[in-house]
C-alpha atoms as a PDB file:
ATOM      1  CA  UNK A   1     114.629  78.304 128.836  1.00  0.00           C
ATOM      2  CA  UNK A   2     115.640  81.923 129.260  1.00  0.00           C
ATOM      3  CA  UNK A   3     118.371  81.544 126.646  1.00  0.00           C
ATOM      4  CA  UNK A   4     115.846  80.090 124.188  1.00  0.00           C
ATOM      5  CA  UNK A   5     113.659  83.121 124.820  1.00  0.00           C
ATOM      6  CA  UNK A   6     116.565  85.452 124.059  1.00  0.00           C
ATOM      7  CA  UNK A   7     117.385  83.579 120.850  1.00  0.00           C
ATOM      8  CA  UNK A   8     113.855  84.008 119.572  1.00  0.00           C
ATOM      9  CA  UNK A   9     113.344  87.522 120.966  1.00  0.00           C
ATOM     10  CA  UNK A  10     116.460  88.970 119.318  1.00  0.00           C
ATOM     11  CA  UNK A  11     114.831  88.788 115.855  1.00  0.00           C
ATOM     12  CA  UNK A  12     111.860  91.129 116.531  1.00  0.00           C
ATOM     13  CA  UNK A  13     114.051  93.236 118.822  1.00  0.00           C
ATOM     14  CA  UNK A  14     116.454  93.918 115.955  1.00  0.00           C
ATOM     15  CA  UNK A  15     113.550  94.798 113.660  1.00  0.00           C
ATOM     16  CA  UNK A  16     112.287  97.257 116.263  1.00  0.00           C
ATOM     17  CA  UNK A  17     115.681  98.837 116.926  1.00  0.00           C
ATOM     18  CA  UNK A  18     116.979  98.905 113.345  1.00  0.00           C
ATOM     19  CA  UNK A  19     113.843 100.011 111.473  1.00  0.00           C
ATOM     20  CA  UNK A  20     114.674 103.729 111.974  1.00  0.00           C
ATOM     21  CA  UNK A  21     118.168 103.073 110.570  1.00  0.00           C
ATOM     22  CA  UNK A  22     116.600 101.254 107.619  1.00  0.00           C
ATOM     23  CA  UNK A  23     114.404 104.290 106.988  1.00  0.00           C
ATOM     24  CA  UNK A  24     117.534 106.467 106.799  1.00  0.00           C
ATOM     25  CA  UNK A  25     119.224 103.911 104.529  1.00  0.00           C
ATOM     26  CA  UNK A  26     116.156 103.840 102.265  1.00  0.00           C
ATOM     27  CA  UNK A  27     116.342 107.610 101.821  1.00  0.00           C
ATOM     28  CA  UNK A  28     120.086 107.512 101.096  1.00  0.00           C
ATOM     29  CA  UNK A  29     120.387 104.303  99.066  1.00  0.00           C
ATOM     30  CA  UNK A  30     116.859 103.707  97.828  1.00  0.00           C
ATOM     31  CA  UNK A  31     114.265 101.109  98.661  1.00  0.00           C
ATOM     32  CA  UNK A  32     115.289  98.550  96.094  1.00  0.00           C
ATOM     33  CA  UNK A  33     118.897  98.217  97.321  1.00  0.00           C
ATOM     34  CA  UNK A  34     117.494  97.632 100.811  1.00  0.00           C
ATOM     35  CA  UNK A  35     115.242  94.898  99.486  1.00  0.00           C
ATOM     36  CA  UNK A  36     118.076  93.365  97.473  1.00  0.00           C
ATOM     37  CA  UNK A  37     120.280  93.336 100.586  1.00  0.00           C
ATOM     38  CA  UNK A  38     117.621  92.299 103.105  1.00  0.00           C
ATOM     39  CA  UNK A  39     116.279  89.169 101.414  1.00  0.00           C
ATOM     40  CA  UNK A  40     119.655  87.456 100.832  1.00  0.00           C
ATOM     41  CA  UNK A  41     120.806  88.434 104.328  1.00  0.00           C
ATOM     42  CA  UNK A  42     117.727  86.768 105.802  1.00  0.00           C
ATOM     43  CA  UNK A  43     118.121  83.657 103.649  1.00  0.00           C
ATOM     44  CA  UNK A  44     121.781  83.174 104.539  1.00  0.00           C
ATOM     45  CA  UNK A  45     121.160  83.783 108.257  1.00  0.00           C
ATOM     46  CA  UNK A  46     118.373  81.192 108.295  1.00  0.00           C
ATOM     47  CA  UNK A  47     120.854  78.653 106.898  1.00  0.00           C
ATOM     48  CA  UNK A  48     123.465  79.565 109.519  1.00  0.00           C
ATOM     49  CA  UNK A  49     120.856  79.272 112.268  1.00  0.00           C
ATOM     50  CA  UNK A  50     119.735  75.856 111.055  1.00  0.00           C
ATOM     51  CA  UNK A  51     123.284  74.603 110.622  1.00  0.00           C
ATOM     52  CA  UNK A  52     124.728  76.102 113.827  1.00  0.00           C
ATOM     53  CA  UNK A  53     125.157  72.737 115.525  1.00  0.00           C
ATOM     54  CA  UNK A  54     127.019  71.457 112.463  1.00  0.00           C
ATOM     55  CA  UNK A  55     129.200  74.542 112.117  1.00  0.00           C
ATOM     56  CA  UNK A  56     130.597  74.335 115.636  1.00  0.00           C
ATOM     57  CA  UNK A  57     130.547  71.720 118.363  1.00  0.00           C
ATOM     58  CA  UNK A  58     131.135  74.225 121.166  1.00  0.00           C
ATOM     59  CA  UNK A  59     127.924  74.909 123.125  1.00  0.00           C
ATOM     60  CA  UNK A  60     128.994  78.537 123.530  1.00  0.00           C
ATOM     61  CA  UNK A  61     129.700  78.767 119.800  1.00  0.00           C
ATOM     62  CA  UNK A  62     126.289  77.323 118.957  1.00  0.00           C
ATOM     63  CA  UNK A  63     124.551  79.857 121.200  1.00  0.00           C
ATOM     64  CA  UNK A  64     126.640  82.661 119.682  1.00  0.00           C
ATOM     65  CA  UNK A  65     125.711  81.532 116.152  1.00  0.00           C
ATOM     66  CA  UNK A  66     122.063  81.326 117.164  1.00  0.00           C
ATOM     67  CA  UNK A  67     122.074  84.860 118.583  1.00  0.00           C
ATOM     68  CA  UNK A  68     124.142  86.484 115.821  1.00  0.00           C
ATOM     69  CA  UNK A  69     122.288  84.781 112.963  1.00  0.00           C
ATOM     70  CA  UNK A  70     118.881  85.691 114.421  1.00  0.00           C
ATOM     71  CA  UNK A  71     120.023  89.279 115.038  1.00  0.00           C
ATOM     72  CA  UNK A  72     121.295  89.643 111.464  1.00  0.00           C
ATOM     73  CA  UNK A  73     118.155  87.966 110.172  1.00  0.00           C
ATOM     74  CA  UNK A  74     116.174  90.640 112.033  1.00  0.00           C
ATOM     75  CA  UNK A  75     118.261  93.325 110.337  1.00  0.00           C
ATOM     76  CA  UNK A  76     117.563  91.726 106.955  1.00  0.00           C
ATOM     77  CA  UNK A  77     113.864  91.566 107.765  1.00  0.00           C
ATOM     78  CA  UNK A  78     113.839  95.222 108.827  1.00  0.00           C
ATOM     79  CA  UNK A  79     115.427  96.212 105.504  1.00  0.00           C
ATOM     80  CA  UNK A  80     113.208  94.004 103.359  1.00  0.00           C
ATOM     81  CA  UNK A  81     109.948  94.786 105.180  1.00  0.00           C
ATOM     82  CA  UNK A  82     110.467  98.540 105.028  1.00  0.00           C
ATOM     83  CA  UNK A  83     111.344  98.332 101.337  1.00  0.00           C
ATOM     84  CA  UNK A  84     108.434  96.037 100.503  1.00  0.00           C
ATOM     85  CA  UNK A  85     105.807  98.144 102.249  1.00  0.00           C
ATOM     86  CA  UNK A  86     107.168 101.359 100.712  1.00  0.00           C
ATOM     87  CA  UNK A  87     107.326  99.858  97.223  1.00  0.00           C
ATOM     88  CA  UNK A  88     103.799  98.441  97.569  1.00  0.00           C
ATOM     89  CA  UNK A  89     102.454 101.802  98.745  1.00  0.00           C
ATOM     90  CA  UNK A  90     104.079 103.528  95.772  1.00  0.00           C
ATOM     91  CA  UNK A  91     103.127 100.879  93.208  1.00  0.00           C
ATOM     92  CA  UNK A  92      99.470 100.431  94.119  1.00  0.00           C
ATOM     93  CA  UNK A  93      98.144 103.799  95.339  1.00  0.00           C
ATOM     94  CA  UNK A  94      94.688 103.235  93.870  1.00  0.00           C
ATOM     95  CA  UNK A  95      94.229  99.851  95.575  1.00  0.00           C
ATOM     96  CA  UNK A  96      96.539 100.169  98.557  1.00  0.00           C
ATOM     97  CA  UNK A  97      94.002  98.850 101.064  1.00  0.00           C
ATOM     98  CA  UNK A  98      93.356  95.688  99.061  1.00  0.00           C
ATOM     99  CA  UNK A  99      97.041  95.037  98.415  1.00  0.00           C
ATOM    100  CA  UNK A 100      98.064  95.642 102.039  1.00  0.00           C
ATOM    101  CA  UNK A 101      95.175  93.465 103.198  1.00  0.00           C
ATOM    102  CA  UNK A 102      96.284  90.683 100.864  1.00  0.00           C
ATOM    103  CA  UNK A 103      99.839  91.064 102.157  1.00  0.00           C
ATOM    104  CA  UNK A 104      98.604  90.684 105.741  1.00  0.00           C
ATOM    105  CA  UNK A 105      96.598  87.593 104.777  1.00  0.00           C
ATOM    106  CA  UNK A 106      99.725  86.023 103.287  1.00  0.00           C
ATOM    107  CA  UNK A 107     101.685  86.866 106.449  1.00  0.00           C
ATOM    108  CA  UNK A 108      98.922  85.318 108.579  1.00  0.00           C
ATOM    109  CA  UNK A 109      98.868  82.153 106.473  1.00  0.00           C
ATOM    110  CA  UNK A 110     102.628  81.933 106.933  1.00  0.00           C
ATOM    111  CA  UNK A 111     102.316  82.263 110.707  1.00  0.00           C
ATOM    112  CA  UNK A 112      99.648  79.536 110.726  1.00  0.00           C
ATOM    113  CA  UNK A 113     101.301  77.040 108.408  1.00  0.00           C
ATOM    114  CA  UNK A 114     104.945  77.678 109.337  1.00  0.00           C
ATOM    115  CA  UNK A 115     104.932  75.876 112.693  1.00  0.00           C
ATOM    116  CA  UNK A 116     102.971  72.918 111.277  1.00  0.00           C
ATOM    117  CA  UNK A 117     105.229  72.519 108.254  1.00  0.00           C
ATOM    118  CA  UNK A 118     108.310  73.176 110.369  1.00  0.00           C
ATOM    119  CA  UNK A 119     107.270  70.434 112.796  1.00  0.00           C
ATOM    120  CA  UNK A 120     106.739  67.989 109.956  1.00  0.00           C
ATOM    121  CA  UNK A 121     110.115  68.836 108.429  1.00  0.00           C
ATOM    122  CA  UNK A 122     111.793  68.572 111.831  1.00  0.00           C
ATOM    123  CA  UNK A 123     110.240  65.132 112.368  1.00  0.00           C
ATOM    124  CA  UNK A 124     111.389  64.024 108.943  1.00  0.00           C
ATOM    125  CA  UNK A 125     114.872  65.519 108.716  1.00  0.00           C
ATOM    126  CA  UNK A 126     115.981  66.945 112.051  1.00  0.00           C
ATOM    127  CA  UNK A 127     116.694  70.444 113.312  1.00  0.00           C
ATOM    128  CA  UNK A 128     118.298  71.893 110.163  1.00  0.00           C
ATOM    129  CA  UNK A 129     115.659  70.856 107.598  1.00  0.00           C
ATOM    130  CA  UNK A 130     112.919  73.395 108.472  1.00  0.00           C
ATOM    131  CA  UNK A 131     115.448  76.227 108.287  1.00  0.00           C
ATOM    132  CA  UNK A 132     116.992  75.013 105.045  1.00  0.00           C
ATOM    133  CA  UNK A 133     113.504  74.722 103.546  1.00  0.00           C
ATOM    134  CA  UNK A 134     112.558  78.225 104.720  1.00  0.00           C
ATOM    135  CA  UNK A 135     115.760  79.633 103.258  1.00  0.00           C
ATOM    136  CA  UNK A 136     115.092  77.766 100.018  1.00  0.00           C
ATOM    137  CA  UNK A 137     111.595  79.231  99.710  1.00  0.00           C
ATOM    138  CA  UNK A 138     112.948  82.718 100.394  1.00  0.00           C
ATOM    139  CA  UNK A 139     115.738  82.243  97.856  1.00  0.00           C
ATOM    140  CA  UNK A 140     113.375  80.848  95.215  1.00  0.00           C
ATOM    141  CA  UNK A 141     111.014  83.799  95.644  1.00  0.00           C
ATOM    142  CA  UNK A 142     113.769  86.348  95.115  1.00  0.00           C
ATOM    143  CA  UNK A 143     113.859  86.134  91.274  1.00  0.00           C
ATOM    144  CA  UNK A 144     110.144  87.019  91.267  1.00  0.00           C
ATOM    145  CA  UNK A 145     110.940  90.108  93.327  1.00  0.00           C
ATOM    146  CA  UNK A 146     113.630  91.117  90.831  1.00  0.00           C
ATOM    147  CA  UNK A 147     111.323  90.449  87.861  1.00  0.00           C
ATOM    148  CA  UNK A 148     108.535  92.550  89.397  1.00  0.00           C
ATOM    149  CA  UNK A 149     110.978  95.373  90.044  1.00  0.00           C
ATOM    150  CA  UNK A 150     112.263  95.310  86.462  1.00  0.00           C
ATOM    151  CA  UNK A 151     108.725  95.301  85.086  1.00  0.00           C
ATOM    152  CA  UNK A 152     107.769  98.152  87.395  1.00  0.00           C
ATOM    153  CA  UNK A 153     110.824 100.179  86.366  1.00  0.00           C
ATOM    154  CA  UNK A 154     110.122  99.618  82.662  1.00  0.00           C
ATOM    155  CA  UNK A 155     106.552 100.848  83.155  1.00  0.00           C
ATOM    156  CA  UNK A 156     107.760 103.973  84.970  1.00  0.00           C
ATOM    157  CA  UNK A 157     110.430 104.630  82.338  1.00  0.00           C
ATOM    158  CA  UNK A 158     107.754 104.491  79.633  1.00  0.00           C
ATOM    159  CA  UNK A 159     105.583 106.947  81.613  1.00  0.00           C
ATOM    160  CA  UNK A 160     108.558 109.304  82.093  1.00  0.00           C
ATOM    161  CA  UNK A 161     109.297 109.167  78.364  1.00  0.00           C
ATOM    162  CA  UNK A 162     105.682 110.039  77.521  1.00  0.00           C
ATOM    163  CA  UNK A 163     105.760 112.958  79.968  1.00  0.00           C
ATOM    164  CA  UNK A 164     109.034 114.171  78.429  1.00  0.00           C
ATOM    165  CA  UNK A 165     107.506 114.034  74.936  1.00  0.00           C
ATOM    166  CA  UNK A 166     104.458 115.994  76.103  1.00  0.00           C
ATOM    167  CA  UNK A 167     106.702 118.640  77.688  1.00  0.00           C
ATOM    168  CA  UNK A 168     108.792 118.871  74.505  1.00  0.00           C
ATOM    169  CA  UNK A 169     105.620 119.272  72.450  1.00  0.00           C
ATOM    170  CA  UNK A 170     104.431 122.069  74.741  1.00  0.00           C
ATOM    171  CA  UNK A 171     107.795 123.784  74.525  1.00  0.00           C
ATOM    172  CA  UNK A 172     107.793 123.662  70.721  1.00  0.00           C
ATOM    173  CA  UNK A 173     104.574 125.633  70.440  1.00  0.00           C
ATOM    174  CA  UNK A 174     102.419 122.715  69.326  1.00  0.00           C
ATOM    175  CA  UNK A 175      98.841 122.667  70.578  1.00  0.00           C
ATOM    176  CA  UNK A 176      98.308 121.345  74.120  1.00  0.00           C
ATOM    177  CA  UNK A 177      96.318 118.356  72.924  1.00  0.00           C
ATOM    178  CA  UNK A 178      99.088 117.281  70.509  1.00  0.00           C
ATOM    179  CA  UNK A 179      99.605 113.549  70.807  1.00  0.00           C
ATOM    180  CA  UNK A 180      96.370 112.919  72.699  1.00  0.00           C
ATOM    181  CA  UNK A 181      93.391 110.967  71.425  1.00  0.00           C
ATOM    182  CA  UNK A 182      91.185 114.085  71.360  1.00  0.00           C
END
């Protein structure tokens, strides 16, 4: 029982310990690379966790795969969570409370439905199926993350271009309201 506790505790422990490192990485590499690294790392580690008994028949090897995959999944979660919350805070400053509240509702719904759905999948297909399904959902959601990021970047590029044009107009001696609707 103690070993089971360690296997499940290593995930939040890694988030706790590695979040400061992820903050440093976000400043050096950017938030988006952290997100793009964290989500696939989590998805692949969930598969390894679910398939551990198929990947090795050694009880020690299975325990090692459980611990390592959960630890790396925690690292992926630390990267992705930090990036997501930072990107959300930057993207929705005028409605941050609503967006963060909605995010917490979604997390809560996941915590409520996950064990029920996981139990059903386990009953239907064995130990690996709930983890393969979770990894599949995470993997399928990733293109939406990329699409949102691209849309967000295009919007910001358009705003930067408008600001550059306004600055050029000011520098050329044109009136300050040049290009505005007034």
